[in-house]
Amino acid sequence: MGNLAALVERLSALGGAVTELTEQQGVETKAAAAAAVAERAAIVDEAERLAAEDPAKTQWKQTSAALDALFAKWQAHQHDAPRIPKGEANDLWKRFRAARTTIEQNRKAFFAELDSAHKDVRTRKQSLIEQAESLSDKGADGVSAYRNLLEEWKKAGRSGKKQDDAMWAKFKAAGDVLYSAKSEVDALDNEEYDANLALKLELVTEAEKLLTATDRTTAREALITIQRKWDAIGKVPRDQVKPIEDRLRKVEAVVRKLDEDHWTRNNPETKARTEGLAGQLNDAIAKLEGELETAKAGNNAAAIAEASEALEARKAWLKAIGQ
């Protein structure tokens, strides 16, 4: 019959090994499930992070692509990863679905608001186009009004590149009509203004002779005559206005300074102070001249040098005040 006791012992040992193996497998299964839960939770966390972004600052193309990638990752994980407890799986799915719903709602609201804003911009710009086109009959005289419309256009905002480009083409075409008319008028004016420029160039050349004038009365009278002729000549080409006006302004400044200097010299208060100072200097000069003669007579080199230096200084001061 065999050794029954030995067989019982072997079966007992085998049962213990099976129990140990089963327990080990249970631990590994739980660890794998826990890791799977953590991986799926990471997918949910990223989706919730995207859902928490400010819709006004979200880059929707990138966010939508990121959400699609997360959903694909969810599906792959659900198919390939170890099974996780149903309760935890359902909770994670609810969170993921809520995040995806929030993102979709924010995206729709953002683009609905953007479409509304674009519609308002298109309405404003269409009105500006119509106003610009209505100026065509005014020709060159409509340029000023068109420039005002252009400032409003810049403030109107954007309505999407394709529509903006098309609307700008119409608005610009309306302006081109006006600027073309203005160019024709300017060309005709410049023909006439070129002749005026030649006359003013002769006149300003004559005026520049006054830059070295010293007689204020003669200079002022000559300048007044030149200014009257200048005004009578009329306009010059626009690009020449500043250069030629600057030349005349320089002459006017010089003549004006002659008058100012004359007033300064002949101001009663200034004149009195100057005459008083001149008297003091003349007295000092006379005294120093006497001292110099005395020093020379005594052959005192140091006294001669001191008196000479002081005398030259007083004479220089006297010359400076015009006496």
Protein backbone atom coordinates (compact mmCIF):
# COMPACT_ATOMS: atom_id res chain seq x y z
CA MET A 1 0.00 0.00 0.00
CA GLY A 2 3.04 2.34 0.33
CA ASN A 3 4.04 4.82 2.96
CA LEU A 4 0.79 6.68 3.66
CA ALA A 5 2.31 8.87 6.34
CA ALA A 6 4.99 10.16 3.95
CA LEU A 7 2.37 10.92 1.31
CA VAL A 8 0.31 12.90 3.80
CA GLU A 9 3.41 14.87 4.76
CA ARG A 10 4.22 15.67 1.13
CA LEU A 11 0.64 16.82 0.43
CA SER A 12 0.72 19.07 3.49
CA ALA A 13 3.96 20.66 2.34
CA LEU A 14 2.57 21.16 -1.19
CA GLY A 15 -0.53 22.86 0.20
CA GLY A 16 1.60 25.34 2.12
CA ALA A 17 3.54 26.22 -1.03
CA VAL A 18 0.34 26.81 -2.99
CA THR A 19 -1.02 29.06 -0.25
CA GLU A 20 2.23 31.06 -0.21
CA LEU A 21 2.20 31.41 -4.01
CA THR A 22 -1.42 32.53 -3.99
CA GLU A 23 -0.68 35.17 -1.36
CA GLN A 24 2.33 36.45 -3.37
CA GLN A 25 0.22 36.69 -6.53
CA GLY A 26 -2.41 38.66 -4.61
CA VAL A 27 0.18 41.16 -3.41
CA GLU A 28 1.55 41.62 -6.96
CA THR A 29 -1.96 42.08 -8.37
CA LYS A 30 -2.74 44.76 -5.80
CA ALA A 31 0.55 46.56 -6.52
CA ALA A 32 -0.14 46.48 -10.27
CA ALA A 33 -3.66 47.81 -9.73
CA ALA A 34 -2.35 50.61 -7.50
CA ALA A 35 0.20 51.59 -10.15
CA ALA A 36 -2.54 51.55 -12.81
CA VAL A 37 -4.72 53.81 -10.64
CA ALA A 38 -1.79 56.24 -10.23
CA GLU A 39 -1.14 56.30 -14.01
CA ARG A 40 -4.79 56.94 -14.82
CA ALA A 41 -5.02 59.58 -12.08
CA ALA A 42 -2.05 61.38 -13.72
CA ILE A 43 -4.05 61.55 -16.97
CA VAL A 44 -6.99 63.04 -15.07
CA ASP A 45 -4.77 65.55 -13.27
CA GLU A 46 -3.41 66.83 -16.60
CA ALA A 47 -6.92 67.14 -18.02
CA GLU A 48 -8.04 69.09 -14.96
CA ARG A 49 -5.00 71.37 -15.29
CA LEU A 50 -6.06 72.19 -18.86
CA ALA A 51 -9.63 72.80 -17.68
CA ALA A 52 -8.40 75.27 -15.04
CA GLU A 53 -6.65 77.55 -17.60
CA ASP A 54 -7.98 81.07 -18.19
CA PRO A 55 -10.10 80.77 -21.39
CA ALA A 56 -9.01 84.24 -22.50
CA LYS A 57 -5.32 83.19 -22.40
CA THR A 58 -5.70 79.62 -23.64
CA GLN A 59 -4.09 78.60 -26.93
CA TRP A 60 -7.09 76.62 -28.10
CA LYS A 61 -5.45 74.75 -30.95
CA GLN A 62 -2.75 73.38 -28.67
CA THR A 63 -5.17 72.72 -25.80
CA SER A 64 -7.60 70.81 -28.00
CA ALA A 65 -4.75 68.69 -29.37
CA ALA A 66 -3.48 68.01 -25.84
CA LEU A 67 -6.97 66.94 -24.69
CA ASP A 68 -7.35 64.58 -27.67
CA ALA A 69 -3.97 63.04 -26.83
CA LEU A 70 -5.02 62.55 -23.20
CA PHE A 71 -8.25 60.83 -24.25
CA ALA A 72 -6.32 58.51 -26.59
CA LYS A 73 -3.93 57.76 -23.71
CA TRP A 74 -6.92 57.01 -21.44
CA GLN A 75 -8.37 54.57 -23.94
CA ALA A 76 -5.02 52.80 -24.44
CA HIS A 77 -4.50 52.56 -20.69
CA GLN A 78 -8.00 51.20 -20.19
CA HIS A 79 -7.27 48.52 -22.81
CA ASP A 80 -3.68 47.58 -21.95
CA ALA A 81 -3.15 48.31 -18.25
CA PRO A 82 -4.11 46.02 -15.38
CA ARG A 83 -7.73 46.24 -14.28
CA ILE A 84 -8.44 48.62 -11.44
CA PRO A 85 -11.29 48.54 -8.95
CA LYS A 86 -14.58 49.52 -10.55
CA GLY A 87 -15.34 52.21 -7.97
CA GLU A 88 -12.00 53.96 -8.49
CA ALA A 89 -12.27 53.58 -12.26
CA ASN A 90 -15.70 55.22 -12.26
CA ASP A 91 -14.54 58.10 -10.04
CA LEU A 92 -11.55 58.79 -12.28
CA TRP A 93 -13.72 58.69 -15.42
CA LYS A 94 -16.19 61.15 -13.90
CA ARG A 95 -13.35 63.57 -13.17
CA PHE A 96 -11.89 63.19 -16.68
CA ARG A 97 -15.29 63.64 -18.32
CA ALA A 98 -16.01 66.74 -16.20
CA ALA A 99 -12.64 68.28 -17.17
CA ARG A 100 -13.28 67.54 -20.86
CA THR A 101 -16.76 69.08 -20.63
CA THR A 102 -15.38 72.22 -18.97
CA ILE A 103 -12.74 72.65 -21.67
CA GLU A 104 -15.30 72.21 -24.44
CA GLN A 105 -17.71 74.70 -22.83
CA ASN A 106 -14.92 77.25 -22.37
CA ARG A 107 -13.80 76.79 -25.96
CA LYS A 108 -17.33 77.31 -27.33
CA ALA A 109 -17.90 80.36 -25.13
CA PHE A 110 -14.54 81.88 -26.15
CA PHE A 111 -15.16 81.50 -29.87
CA ALA A 112 -18.76 82.65 -29.56
CA GLU A 113 -17.54 85.85 -27.89
CA LEU A 114 -14.77 86.20 -30.46
CA ASP A 115 -17.22 85.76 -33.33
CA SER A 116 -19.44 88.45 -31.79
CA ALA A 117 -16.49 90.83 -31.45
CA HIS A 118 -15.39 90.11 -35.02
CA LYS A 119 -18.91 90.77 -36.24
CA ASP A 120 -18.90 94.19 -34.53
CA VAL A 121 -15.51 95.02 -36.07
CA ARG A 122 -16.70 93.97 -39.52
CA THR A 123 -19.78 96.16 -39.13
CA ARG A 124 -17.67 99.19 -38.16
CA LYS A 125 -15.18 98.65 -40.95
CA GLN A 126 -17.89 98.16 -43.54
CA SER A 127 -19.31 101.52 -42.51
CA LEU A 128 -15.85 103.11 -42.85
CA ILE A 129 -15.47 101.60 -46.33
CA GLU A 130 -18.78 103.06 -47.41
CA GLN A 131 -17.84 106.48 -46.03
CA ALA A 132 -14.46 106.34 -47.78
CA GLU A 133 -16.02 105.37 -51.10
CA SER A 134 -18.52 108.23 -50.80
CA LEU A 135 -15.59 110.71 -50.80
CA SER A 136 -14.55 109.84 -54.36
CA ASP A 137 -16.49 112.78 -55.87
CA LYS A 138 -14.52 115.23 -53.71
CA GLY A 139 -11.20 114.25 -55.24
CA ALA A 140 -8.19 115.86 -53.56
CA ASP A 141 -10.48 117.73 -51.15
CA GLY A 142 -11.55 114.39 -49.67
CA VAL A 143 -8.05 113.43 -48.47
CA SER A 144 -8.39 115.13 -45.09
CA ALA A 145 -11.68 113.33 -44.34
CA TYR A 146 -10.17 110.04 -45.50
CA ARG A 147 -7.27 110.46 -43.09
CA ASN A 148 -9.77 110.85 -40.24
CA LEU A 149 -11.47 107.64 -41.37
CA LEU A 150 -8.07 105.93 -41.44
CA GLU A 151 -7.53 106.81 -37.77
CA GLU A 152 -10.92 105.26 -36.94
CA TRP A 153 -9.96 102.17 -38.97
CA LYS A 154 -6.82 101.68 -36.88
CA LYS A 155 -8.90 101.80 -33.69
CA ALA A 156 -11.60 99.42 -34.97
CA GLY A 157 -9.66 96.25 -34.13
CA ARG A 158 -9.25 92.93 -35.96
CA SER A 159 -11.91 90.64 -37.39
CA GLY A 160 -9.87 87.69 -38.63
CA LYS A 161 -7.03 87.86 -41.16
CA LYS A 162 -8.95 86.77 -44.27
CA GLN A 163 -11.85 89.18 -43.75
CA ASP A 164 -9.55 91.97 -42.61
CA ASP A 165 -7.36 91.68 -45.68
CA ALA A 166 -10.36 91.78 -48.00
CA MET A 167 -11.93 94.78 -46.24
CA TRP A 168 -8.61 96.66 -46.10
CA ALA A 169 -8.21 96.19 -49.86
CA LYS A 170 -11.54 97.97 -50.42
CA PHE A 171 -10.78 100.74 -47.93
CA LYS A 172 -7.33 101.34 -49.40
CA ALA A 173 -8.71 101.39 -52.97
CA ALA A 174 -11.07 104.19 -51.94
CA GLY A 175 -8.12 106.14 -50.53
CA ASP A 176 -5.99 105.52 -53.61
CA VAL A 177 -8.62 107.30 -55.72
CA LEU A 178 -8.35 110.39 -53.51
CA TYR A 179 -4.56 110.37 -53.29
CA SER A 180 -4.30 109.96 -57.05
CA ALA A 181 -6.46 113.05 -57.53
CA LYS A 182 -4.35 114.91 -54.96
CA SER A 183 -1.14 113.95 -56.78
CA GLU A 184 -2.48 115.48 -59.97
CA VAL A 185 -3.40 118.71 -58.17
CA ASP A 186 0.00 118.80 -56.42
CA ALA A 187 1.77 118.36 -59.74
CA LEU A 188 -0.08 121.36 -61.21
CA ASP A 189 0.53 123.42 -58.08
CA ASN A 190 4.22 122.59 -58.08
CA GLU A 191 4.52 123.93 -61.61
CA GLU A 192 3.25 127.28 -60.40
CA TYR A 193 5.09 127.05 -57.08
CA ASP A 194 8.43 126.35 -58.77
CA ALA A 195 8.27 129.82 -60.28
CA ASN A 196 7.51 131.26 -56.82
CA LEU A 197 10.46 129.34 -55.39
CA ALA A 198 12.82 130.93 -57.90
CA LEU A 199 11.62 134.41 -56.90
CA LYS A 200 11.94 133.68 -53.18
CA LEU A 201 15.43 132.25 -53.63
CA GLU A 202 16.50 135.56 -55.19
CA LEU A 203 14.81 137.46 -52.39
CA VAL A 204 16.35 135.43 -49.57
CA THR A 205 19.77 135.80 -51.15
CA GLU A 206 19.24 139.56 -51.08
CA ALA A 207 18.05 139.33 -47.46
CA GLU A 208 21.14 137.42 -46.36
CA LYS A 209 23.26 140.47 -47.11
CA LEU A 210 21.75 141.88 -43.90
CA LEU A 211 23.49 139.20 -41.84
CA THR A 212 26.51 141.50 -41.58
CA ALA A 213 24.53 144.76 -41.21
CA THR A 214 25.38 147.12 -38.35
CA ASP A 215 22.89 149.96 -38.95
CA ARG A 216 19.70 148.76 -37.32
CA THR A 217 17.41 151.33 -38.97
CA THR A 218 18.59 150.63 -42.50
CA ALA A 219 18.54 146.88 -41.87
CA ARG A 220 15.00 146.93 -40.45
CA GLU A 221 13.63 148.99 -43.35
CA ALA A 222 15.29 146.70 -45.89
CA LEU A 223 13.91 143.62 -44.15
CA ILE A 224 10.36 145.01 -44.06
CA THR A 225 10.51 145.62 -47.81
CA ILE A 226 11.76 142.08 -48.38
CA GLN A 227 9.04 140.59 -46.14
CA ARG A 228 6.30 142.39 -48.08
CA LYS A 229 7.63 141.08 -51.37
CA TRP A 230 7.97 137.62 -49.82
CA ASP A 231 4.31 137.48 -48.79
CA ALA A 232 3.17 138.76 -52.17
CA ILE A 233 4.99 135.98 -54.04
CA GLY A 234 2.91 133.21 -52.50
CA LYS A 235 3.50 129.51 -51.90
CA VAL A 236 6.48 127.35 -52.85
CA PRO A 237 6.64 123.53 -53.24
CA ARG A 238 5.91 121.86 -49.92
CA ASP A 239 9.31 120.18 -49.57
CA GLN A 240 11.03 123.57 -49.95
CA VAL A 241 8.96 125.51 -47.42
CA LYS A 242 11.08 124.76 -44.34
CA PRO A 243 14.55 125.19 -45.93
CA ILE A 244 13.76 128.57 -47.46
CA GLU A 245 11.76 129.83 -44.45
CA ASP A 246 14.64 128.88 -42.15
CA ARG A 247 17.02 131.04 -44.17
CA LEU A 248 14.75 134.08 -43.88
CA ARG A 249 14.14 133.44 -40.14
CA LYS A 250 17.92 133.57 -39.59
CA VAL A 251 18.10 137.04 -41.20
CA GLU A 252 15.12 138.23 -39.15
CA ALA A 253 16.85 137.09 -35.96
CA VAL A 254 19.99 139.07 -36.78
CA VAL A 255 18.02 142.28 -37.51
CA ARG A 256 15.95 141.81 -34.37
CA LYS A 257 19.14 141.51 -32.32
CA LEU A 258 20.39 144.83 -33.71
CA ASP A 259 17.27 146.46 -32.27
CA GLU A 260 17.60 144.60 -28.96
CA ASP A 261 21.25 145.58 -28.60
CA HIS A 262 20.38 149.22 -29.37
CA TRP A 263 17.68 149.19 -26.70
CA THR A 264 20.02 147.62 -24.18
CA ARG A 265 22.63 150.29 -24.79
CA ASN A 266 20.14 153.15 -24.72
CA ASN A 267 17.92 152.01 -21.89
CA PRO A 268 17.96 154.98 -19.46
CA GLU A 269 18.76 152.86 -16.44
CA THR A 270 21.39 150.84 -18.25
CA LYS A 271 22.82 153.96 -19.82
CA ALA A 272 23.07 155.68 -16.46
CA ARG A 273 24.86 152.72 -14.95
CA THR A 274 27.17 152.51 -17.95
CA GLU A 275 28.00 156.23 -17.87
CA GLY A 276 28.62 156.03 -14.14
CA LEU A 277 30.94 153.07 -14.59
CA ALA A 278 32.65 154.82 -17.52
CA GLY A 279 33.31 157.87 -15.34
CA GLN A 280 34.82 155.69 -12.62
CA LEU A 281 36.97 153.87 -15.16
CA ASN A 282 38.17 157.14 -16.74
CA ASP A 283 39.12 158.44 -13.30
CA ALA A 284 40.95 155.20 -12.53
CA ILE A 285 42.74 155.33 -15.88
CA ALA A 286 43.89 158.91 -15.27
CA LYS A 287 45.14 157.98 -11.82
CA LEU A 288 46.98 154.89 -13.09
CA GLU A 289 48.57 156.88 -15.91
CA GLY A 290 49.96 159.28 -13.26
CA GLU A 291 51.25 156.37 -11.17
CA LEU A 292 52.86 154.87 -14.26
CA GLU A 293 54.69 158.11 -15.05
CA THR A 294 55.92 158.30 -11.45
CA ALA A 295 57.13 154.68 -11.58
CA LYS A 296 58.94 155.32 -14.84
CA ALA A 297 60.58 158.42 -13.42
CA GLY A 298 61.80 156.40 -10.45
CA ASN A 299 62.83 153.52 -12.71
CA ASN A 300 60.79 151.17 -10.48
CA ALA A 301 60.33 148.08 -12.63
CA ALA A 302 57.84 146.35 -10.29
CA ALA A 303 55.66 149.47 -9.97
CA ILE A 304 55.81 150.01 -13.75
CA ALA A 305 54.58 146.45 -14.40
CA GLU A 306 51.80 146.69 -11.81
CA ALA A 307 50.53 150.05 -13.06
CA SER A 308 50.71 148.96 -16.71
CA GLU A 309 48.70 145.79 -16.05
CA ALA A 310 46.01 147.67 -14.08
CA LEU A 311 45.85 150.39 -16.74
CA GLU A 312 45.31 147.88 -19.60
CA ALA A 313 42.57 146.14 -17.62
CA ARG A 314 40.64 149.41 -17.04
CA LYS A 315 40.94 150.36 -20.70
CA ALA A 316 39.60 146.92 -21.72
CA TRP A 317 36.62 147.33 -19.39
CA LEU A 318 35.93 150.78 -20.82
CA LYS A 319 35.98 149.40 -24.35
CA ALA A 320 33.64 146.55 -23.36
CA ILE A 321 30.90 148.96 -22.27
CA GLY A 322 31.22 150.89 -25.53
CA GLN A 323 32.79 154.05 -24.18
